[in-house]
Amino acid sequence: MNEYHKIETLYERDPKTNKVRPGVLKNRVYGIIKTWHWTEKIDGINIRAIWRDGNLTFGSRTADNEEGIPADLSQRLHESVSSAKLAEIFPDTEVVIYGEGYGAGIRKGGVYSSTKKLIVFDVLVGGKWWLSWENTCDVASKLGLVAVPYVGEMTLDQATEYVRQGFETQIGAQSGPAEGLVGRPVETLFDKKGARLIVKLKTKDF
């Protein structure tokens, strides 16, 4: 089972207010990286499209089955992700495509879409290789899917101020507040404990 790892909040929290404390990094290794690449954080539910031994299955964040996935989203997944295309792209390799199920009825997803959809944010190949953002977008495109919006390359301070001020989501036809940002280095990196260096900043945390 390739459960998606937790994305840590960039900063420690104030125990009294539960808001983040900008400048107080949760992991000091984050400060070593000069700039990060940031994508929009989508308010939805974690979905996995699992391609293994020529079979395509779907899972939630914690289960290798569709338990807990809304029926209309499950139908959309089966309509949107093609086994034939996966076989062309990854004929002999196991892959897990991580996405967010979003839309009306999923948290505050009505601001994104009136119907439930899937959007891609990560791809794991062979159980150990995280694709670069460019390759993740390429896989999504070849499957006829969309990747989460890329916001830009920024330092931690720049991204913090960007989220603190609030910004509009790039998903959907109508405007609305974005949930936040997810940041990652240009290449996949890990700390000394083997934890992947990937962070999040939520607007509500300020």
C-alpha atoms as a PDB file:
ATOM      1  CA  MET A   1       0.000   0.000   0.000  1.00  0.00           C
ATOM      2  CA  ASN A   2       1.456   3.367  -1.039  1.00  0.00           C
ATOM      3  CA  GLU A   3      -0.316   5.636   1.436  1.00  0.00           C
ATOM      4  CA  TYR A   4       0.541   9.259   0.763  1.00  0.00           C
ATOM      5  CA  HIS A   5       2.896  10.683   3.343  1.00  0.00           C
ATOM      6  CA  LYS A   6       1.847  13.580   5.555  1.00  0.00           C
ATOM      7  CA  ILE A   7       2.716  17.047   4.248  1.00  0.00           C
ATOM      8  CA  GLU A   8       4.042  18.970   7.231  1.00  0.00           C
ATOM      9  CA  THR A   9       3.063  22.542   7.989  1.00  0.00           C
ATOM     10  CA  LEU A  10       6.102  24.747   7.385  1.00  0.00           C
ATOM     11  CA  TYR A  11       6.081  26.409  10.801  1.00  0.00           C
ATOM     12  CA  GLU A  12       5.517  25.458  14.402  1.00  0.00           C
ATOM     13  CA  ARG A  13       2.197  26.500  15.957  1.00  0.00           C
ATOM     14  CA  ASP A  14       1.529  28.788  18.875  1.00  0.00           C
ATOM     15  CA  PRO A  15      -0.012  26.476  21.515  1.00  0.00           C
ATOM     16  CA  LYS A  16      -2.363  29.242  22.684  1.00  0.00           C
ATOM     17  CA  THR A  17      -3.746  30.444  19.356  1.00  0.00           C
ATOM     18  CA  ASN A  18      -3.011  27.358  17.214  1.00  0.00           C
ATOM     19  CA  LYS A  19      -1.826  29.769  14.523  1.00  0.00           C
ATOM     20  CA  VAL A  20       1.570  29.301  12.883  1.00  0.00           C
ATOM     21  CA  ARG A  21       4.646  31.158  14.096  1.00  0.00           C
ATOM     22  CA  PRO A  22       6.353  32.473  10.928  1.00  0.00           C
ATOM     23  CA  GLY A  23      10.117  32.089  11.129  1.00  0.00           C
ATOM     24  CA  VAL A  24       9.969  29.150  13.530  1.00  0.00           C
ATOM     25  CA  LEU A  25      10.527  26.245  11.146  1.00  0.00           C
ATOM     26  CA  LYS A  26       9.133  22.844  12.021  1.00  0.00           C
ATOM     27  CA  ASN A  27      12.236  21.293  10.502  1.00  0.00           C
ATOM     28  CA  ARG A  28      15.377  23.432  10.304  1.00  0.00           C
ATOM     29  CA  VAL A  29      16.428  21.622   7.127  1.00  0.00           C
ATOM     30  CA  TYR A  30      13.739  23.611   5.293  1.00  0.00           C
ATOM     31  CA  GLY A  31      15.848  26.738   5.733  1.00  0.00           C
ATOM     32  CA  ILE A  32      18.753  25.251   3.774  1.00  0.00           C
ATOM     33  CA  ILE A  33      16.836  25.295   0.502  1.00  0.00           C
ATOM     34  CA  LYS A  34      17.069  28.690  -1.217  1.00  0.00           C
ATOM     35  CA  THR A  35      13.839  28.599  -3.210  1.00  0.00           C
ATOM     36  CA  TRP A  36      10.866  26.257  -3.391  1.00  0.00           C
ATOM     37  CA  HIS A  37       8.365  25.474  -6.117  1.00  0.00           C
ATOM     38  CA  TRP A  38       4.793  26.122  -5.020  1.00  0.00           C
ATOM     39  CA  THR A  39       1.477  24.729  -6.189  1.00  0.00           C
ATOM     40  CA  GLU A  40      -2.030  25.513  -5.028  1.00  0.00           C
ATOM     41  CA  LYS A  41      -3.309  23.346  -2.185  1.00  0.00           C
ATOM     42  CA  ILE A  42      -6.746  21.974  -3.027  1.00  0.00           C
ATOM     43  CA  ASP A  43      -9.387  21.397  -0.348  1.00  0.00           C
ATOM     44  CA  GLY A  44     -10.572  17.881  -1.135  1.00  0.00           C
ATOM     45  CA  ILE A  45      -9.987  14.208  -0.366  1.00  0.00           C
ATOM     46  CA  ASN A  46      -6.855  12.248  -1.217  1.00  0.00           C
ATOM     47  CA  ILE A  47      -7.284   9.786  -4.071  1.00  0.00           C
ATOM     48  CA  ARG A  48      -4.851   7.183  -5.402  1.00  0.00           C
ATOM     49  CA  ALA A  49      -4.990   5.631  -8.858  1.00  0.00           C
ATOM     50  CA  ILE A  50      -2.934   2.446  -8.499  1.00  0.00           C
ATOM     51  CA  TRP A  51      -1.526   0.739 -11.616  1.00  0.00           C
ATOM     52  CA  ARG A  52      -0.023  -2.620 -10.706  1.00  0.00           C
ATOM     53  CA  ASP A  53       0.459  -5.808 -12.760  1.00  0.00           C
ATOM     54  CA  GLY A  54      -1.760  -4.504 -15.534  1.00  0.00           C
ATOM     55  CA  ASN A  55      -4.636  -3.714 -13.196  1.00  0.00           C
ATOM     56  CA  LEU A  56      -6.027  -0.286 -12.293  1.00  0.00           C
ATOM     57  CA  THR A  57      -7.619   0.238  -8.899  1.00  0.00           C
ATOM     58  CA  PHE A  58      -8.515   3.287  -6.843  1.00  0.00           C
ATOM     59  CA  GLY A  59      -7.972   3.979  -3.193  1.00  0.00           C
ATOM     60  CA  SER A  60      -8.382   6.645  -0.583  1.00  0.00           C
ATOM     61  CA  ARG A  61      -5.478   8.020   1.439  1.00  0.00           C
ATOM     62  CA  THR A  62      -5.556   5.134   3.919  1.00  0.00           C
ATOM     63  CA  ALA A  63      -7.185   2.260   2.046  1.00  0.00           C
ATOM     64  CA  ASP A  64      -6.439   0.325  -1.140  1.00  0.00           C
ATOM     65  CA  ASN A  65     -10.124   0.351  -2.056  1.00  0.00           C
ATOM     66  CA  GLU A  66     -12.888   2.825  -2.772  1.00  0.00           C
ATOM     67  CA  GLU A  67     -14.428   2.687   0.682  1.00  0.00           C
ATOM     68  CA  GLY A  68     -15.196   6.222   1.791  1.00  0.00           C
ATOM     69  CA  ILE A  69     -15.033   7.674  -1.717  1.00  0.00           C
ATOM     70  CA  PRO A  70     -18.376   9.295  -2.729  1.00  0.00           C
ATOM     71  CA  ALA A  71     -20.203   7.253  -5.358  1.00  0.00           C
ATOM     72  CA  ASP A  72     -20.336  10.061  -7.925  1.00  0.00           C
ATOM     73  CA  LEU A  73     -16.599  10.731  -7.484  1.00  0.00           C
ATOM     74  CA  SER A  74     -15.905   7.006  -7.846  1.00  0.00           C
ATOM     75  CA  GLN A  75     -17.826   7.009 -11.128  1.00  0.00           C
ATOM     76  CA  ARG A  76     -15.833  10.039 -12.301  1.00  0.00           C
ATOM     77  CA  LEU A  77     -12.553   8.259 -11.487  1.00  0.00           C
ATOM     78  CA  HIS A  78     -13.482   5.254 -13.616  1.00  0.00           C
ATOM     79  CA  GLU A  79     -14.489   7.552 -16.466  1.00  0.00           C
ATOM     80  CA  SER A  80     -11.398   9.786 -16.222  1.00  0.00           C
ATOM     81  CA  VAL A  81      -8.466   7.404 -15.732  1.00  0.00           C
ATOM     82  CA  SER A  82      -7.730   5.038 -18.618  1.00  0.00           C
ATOM     83  CA  SER A  83      -6.111   1.637 -18.147  1.00  0.00           C
ATOM     84  CA  ALA A  84      -5.182   1.636 -21.837  1.00  0.00           C
ATOM     85  CA  LYS A  85      -3.271   4.902 -21.525  1.00  0.00           C
ATOM     86  CA  LEU A  86      -1.545   3.742 -18.346  1.00  0.00           C
ATOM     87  CA  ALA A  87      -0.448   0.599 -20.168  1.00  0.00           C
ATOM     88  CA  GLU A  88       1.090   2.765 -22.902  1.00  0.00           C
ATOM     89  CA  ILE A  89       2.942   5.051 -20.482  1.00  0.00           C
ATOM     90  CA  PHE A  90       3.964   2.442 -17.898  1.00  0.00           C
ATOM     91  CA  PRO A  91       3.874  -0.957 -19.638  1.00  0.00           C
ATOM     92  CA  ASP A  92       6.104  -2.760 -17.135  1.00  0.00           C
ATOM     93  CA  THR A  93       6.163  -0.474 -14.114  1.00  0.00           C
ATOM     94  CA  GLU A  94       3.994  -0.026 -11.062  1.00  0.00           C
ATOM     95  CA  VAL A  95       2.816   3.543 -10.591  1.00  0.00           C
ATOM     96  CA  VAL A  96       0.624   5.409  -8.144  1.00  0.00           C
ATOM     97  CA  ILE A  97      -0.961   8.658  -9.259  1.00  0.00           C
ATOM     98  CA  TYR A  98      -1.927  10.852  -6.336  1.00  0.00           C
ATOM     99  CA  GLY A  99      -4.713  13.323  -6.779  1.00  0.00           C
ATOM    100  CA  GLU A 100      -7.337  15.285  -4.954  1.00  0.00           C
ATOM    101  CA  GLY A 101     -11.012  14.574  -5.371  1.00  0.00           C
ATOM    102  CA  TYR A 102     -12.772  17.927  -5.237  1.00  0.00           C
ATOM    103  CA  GLY A 103     -16.016  19.693  -6.031  1.00  0.00           C
ATOM    104  CA  ALA A 104     -19.436  20.354  -4.552  1.00  0.00           C
ATOM    105  CA  GLY A 105     -20.163  18.073  -1.592  1.00  0.00           C
ATOM    106  CA  ILE A 106     -16.489  17.651  -0.662  1.00  0.00           C
ATOM    107  CA  ARG A 107     -15.640  20.086   2.108  1.00  0.00           C
ATOM    108  CA  LYS A 108     -15.810  23.607   0.644  1.00  0.00           C
ATOM    109  CA  GLY A 109     -15.255  22.327  -2.873  1.00  0.00           C
ATOM    110  CA  GLY A 110     -18.296  24.051  -4.338  1.00  0.00           C
ATOM    111  CA  VAL A 111     -16.092  27.046  -5.032  1.00  0.00           C
ATOM    112  CA  TYR A 112     -14.079  24.859  -7.421  1.00  0.00           C
ATOM    113  CA  SER A 113     -16.759  22.955  -9.294  1.00  0.00           C
ATOM    114  CA  SER A 114     -20.434  22.028  -9.182  1.00  0.00           C
ATOM    115  CA  THR A 115     -19.454  18.425  -9.934  1.00  0.00           C
ATOM    116  CA  LYS A 116     -16.818  16.153  -8.436  1.00  0.00           C
ATOM    117  CA  LYS A 117     -13.511  15.840 -10.286  1.00  0.00           C
ATOM    118  CA  LEU A 118      -9.939  14.581  -9.916  1.00  0.00           C
ATOM    119  CA  ILE A 119      -6.811  16.716 -10.073  1.00  0.00           C
ATOM    120  CA  VAL A 120      -3.237  15.328  -9.952  1.00  0.00           C
ATOM    121  CA  PHE A 121      -0.500  16.499  -7.580  1.00  0.00           C
ATOM    122  CA  ASP A 122       2.112  13.721  -7.401  1.00  0.00           C
ATOM    123  CA  VAL A 123       3.271  10.526  -9.122  1.00  0.00           C
ATOM    124  CA  LEU A 124       5.273   7.675  -7.569  1.00  0.00           C
ATOM    125  CA  VAL A 125       6.949   5.188  -9.930  1.00  0.00           C
ATOM    126  CA  GLY A 126       8.213   1.754  -8.943  1.00  0.00           C
ATOM    127  CA  GLY A 127       7.372   2.371  -5.324  1.00  0.00           C
ATOM    128  CA  LYS A 128      10.325   4.710  -4.784  1.00  0.00           C
ATOM    129  CA  TRP A 129      10.791   7.388  -7.471  1.00  0.00           C
ATOM    130  CA  TRP A 130       8.853  10.631  -7.105  1.00  0.00           C
ATOM    131  CA  LEU A 131       8.560  12.301 -10.479  1.00  0.00           C
ATOM    132  CA  SER A 132       9.666  15.901 -10.957  1.00  0.00           C
ATOM    133  CA  TRP A 133       6.880  18.455 -11.256  1.00  0.00           C
ATOM    134  CA  GLU A 134       7.424  18.703 -15.025  1.00  0.00           C
ATOM    135  CA  ASN A 135       7.113  14.934 -15.423  1.00  0.00           C
ATOM    136  CA  THR A 136       4.102  14.808 -13.102  1.00  0.00           C
ATOM    137  CA  CYS A 137       2.357  17.336 -15.337  1.00  0.00           C
ATOM    138  CA  ASP A 138       3.395  15.331 -18.413  1.00  0.00           C
ATOM    139  CA  VAL A 139       1.868  12.120 -17.025  1.00  0.00           C
ATOM    140  CA  ALA A 140      -1.328  13.946 -16.098  1.00  0.00           C
ATOM    141  CA  SER A 141      -1.559  15.432 -19.592  1.00  0.00           C
ATOM    142  CA  LYS A 142      -1.011  12.081 -21.302  1.00  0.00           C
ATOM    143  CA  LEU A 143      -3.829  10.631 -19.215  1.00  0.00           C
ATOM    144  CA  GLY A 144      -6.124  13.503 -20.123  1.00  0.00           C
ATOM    145  CA  LEU A 145      -6.043  14.801 -16.555  1.00  0.00           C
ATOM    146  CA  VAL A 146      -5.145  18.174 -15.056  1.00  0.00           C
ATOM    147  CA  ALA A 147      -2.418  18.864 -12.504  1.00  0.00           C
ATOM    148  CA  VAL A 148      -2.881  21.283  -9.614  1.00  0.00           C
ATOM    149  CA  PRO A 149      -2.050  24.894 -10.564  1.00  0.00           C
ATOM    150  CA  TYR A 150       1.588  25.896 -10.381  1.00  0.00           C
ATOM    151  CA  VAL A 151       1.914  29.210  -8.511  1.00  0.00           C
ATOM    152  CA  GLY A 152       5.636  29.878  -8.842  1.00  0.00           C
ATOM    153  CA  GLU A 153       9.145  29.681  -7.441  1.00  0.00           C
ATOM    154  CA  MET A 154       9.511  31.564  -4.159  1.00  0.00           C
ATOM    155  CA  THR A 155      11.549  31.654  -0.991  1.00  0.00           C
ATOM    156  CA  LEU A 156       9.892  30.565   2.238  1.00  0.00           C
ATOM    157  CA  ASP A 157       9.440  34.209   3.262  1.00  0.00           C
ATOM    158  CA  GLN A 158       7.868  35.138  -0.059  1.00  0.00           C
ATOM    159  CA  ALA A 159       5.469  32.190   0.030  1.00  0.00           C
ATOM    160  CA  THR A 160       4.567  32.983   3.634  1.00  0.00           C
ATOM    161  CA  GLU A 161       3.612  36.544   2.765  1.00  0.00           C
ATOM    162  CA  TYR A 162       1.727  35.371  -0.319  1.00  0.00           C
ATOM    163  CA  VAL A 163      -0.450  33.044   1.755  1.00  0.00           C
ATOM    164  CA  ARG A 164      -0.787  35.470   4.661  1.00  0.00           C
ATOM    165  CA  GLN A 165      -2.285  38.080   2.323  1.00  0.00           C
ATOM    166  CA  GLY A 166      -4.656  35.526   0.803  1.00  0.00           C
ATOM    167  CA  PHE A 167      -5.095  34.733  -2.873  1.00  0.00           C
ATOM    168  CA  GLU A 168      -7.747  33.464  -5.239  1.00  0.00           C
ATOM    169  CA  THR A 169      -7.974  29.858  -6.353  1.00  0.00           C
ATOM    170  CA  GLN A 170      -7.039  29.074  -9.955  1.00  0.00           C
ATOM    171  CA  ILE A 171      -9.533  26.181 -10.039  1.00  0.00           C
ATOM    172  CA  GLY A 172     -12.989  26.690 -11.464  1.00  0.00           C
ATOM    173  CA  ALA A 173     -14.783  29.468 -13.300  1.00  0.00           C
ATOM    174  CA  GLN A 174     -15.792  31.474 -10.240  1.00  0.00           C
ATOM    175  CA  SER A 175     -13.461  33.244  -7.853  1.00  0.00           C
ATOM    176  CA  GLY A 176     -12.935  32.209  -4.257  1.00  0.00           C
ATOM    177  CA  PRO A 177     -10.207  32.004  -1.643  1.00  0.00           C
ATOM    178  CA  ALA A 178      -7.515  29.383  -2.142  1.00  0.00           C
ATOM    179  CA  GLU A 179      -6.798  27.005   0.721  1.00  0.00           C
ATOM    180  CA  GLY A 180      -3.058  27.608   0.582  1.00  0.00           C
ATOM    181  CA  LEU A 181       0.178  26.396  -0.995  1.00  0.00           C
ATOM    182  CA  VAL A 182       2.263  23.240  -1.129  1.00  0.00           C
ATOM    183  CA  GLY A 183       6.009  23.693  -1.608  1.00  0.00           C
ATOM    184  CA  ARG A 184       8.673  21.272  -2.786  1.00  0.00           C
ATOM    185  CA  PRO A 185      12.330  21.549  -3.901  1.00  0.00           C
ATOM    186  CA  VAL A 186      13.079  21.375  -7.610  1.00  0.00           C
ATOM    187  CA  GLU A 187      14.386  17.818  -7.000  1.00  0.00           C
ATOM    188  CA  THR A 188      12.969  15.364  -4.479  1.00  0.00           C
ATOM    189  CA  LEU A 189      14.944  15.555  -1.222  1.00  0.00           C
ATOM    190  CA  PHE A 190      14.742  13.824   2.148  1.00  0.00           C
ATOM    191  CA  ASP A 191      15.936  14.717   5.642  1.00  0.00           C
ATOM    192  CA  LYS A 192      18.145  12.518   7.817  1.00  0.00           C
ATOM    193  CA  LYS A 193      15.093  10.608   9.070  1.00  0.00           C
ATOM    194  CA  GLY A 194      14.067   9.776   5.532  1.00  0.00           C
ATOM    195  CA  ALA A 195      11.131  12.167   5.527  1.00  0.00           C
ATOM    196  CA  ARG A 196      10.416  13.828   2.214  1.00  0.00           C
ATOM    197  CA  LEU A 197      10.941  17.584   2.165  1.00  0.00           C
ATOM    198  CA  ILE A 198       7.547  18.929   1.151  1.00  0.00           C
ATOM    199  CA  VAL A 199       5.599  21.544   3.092  1.00  0.00           C
ATOM    200  CA  LYS A 200       2.257  23.315   3.223  1.00  0.00           C
ATOM    201  CA  LEU A 201       0.987  26.741   4.191  1.00  0.00           C
ATOM    202  CA  LYS A 202      -2.728  27.291   4.807  1.00  0.00           C
ATOM    203  CA  THR A 203      -4.389  30.700   4.709  1.00  0.00           C
ATOM    204  CA  LYS A 204      -6.431  29.910   7.816  1.00  0.00           C
ATOM    205  CA  ASP A 205      -3.243  29.310   9.821  1.00  0.00           C
ATOM    206  CA  PHE A 206      -2.399  33.026   9.912  1.00  0.00           C
END
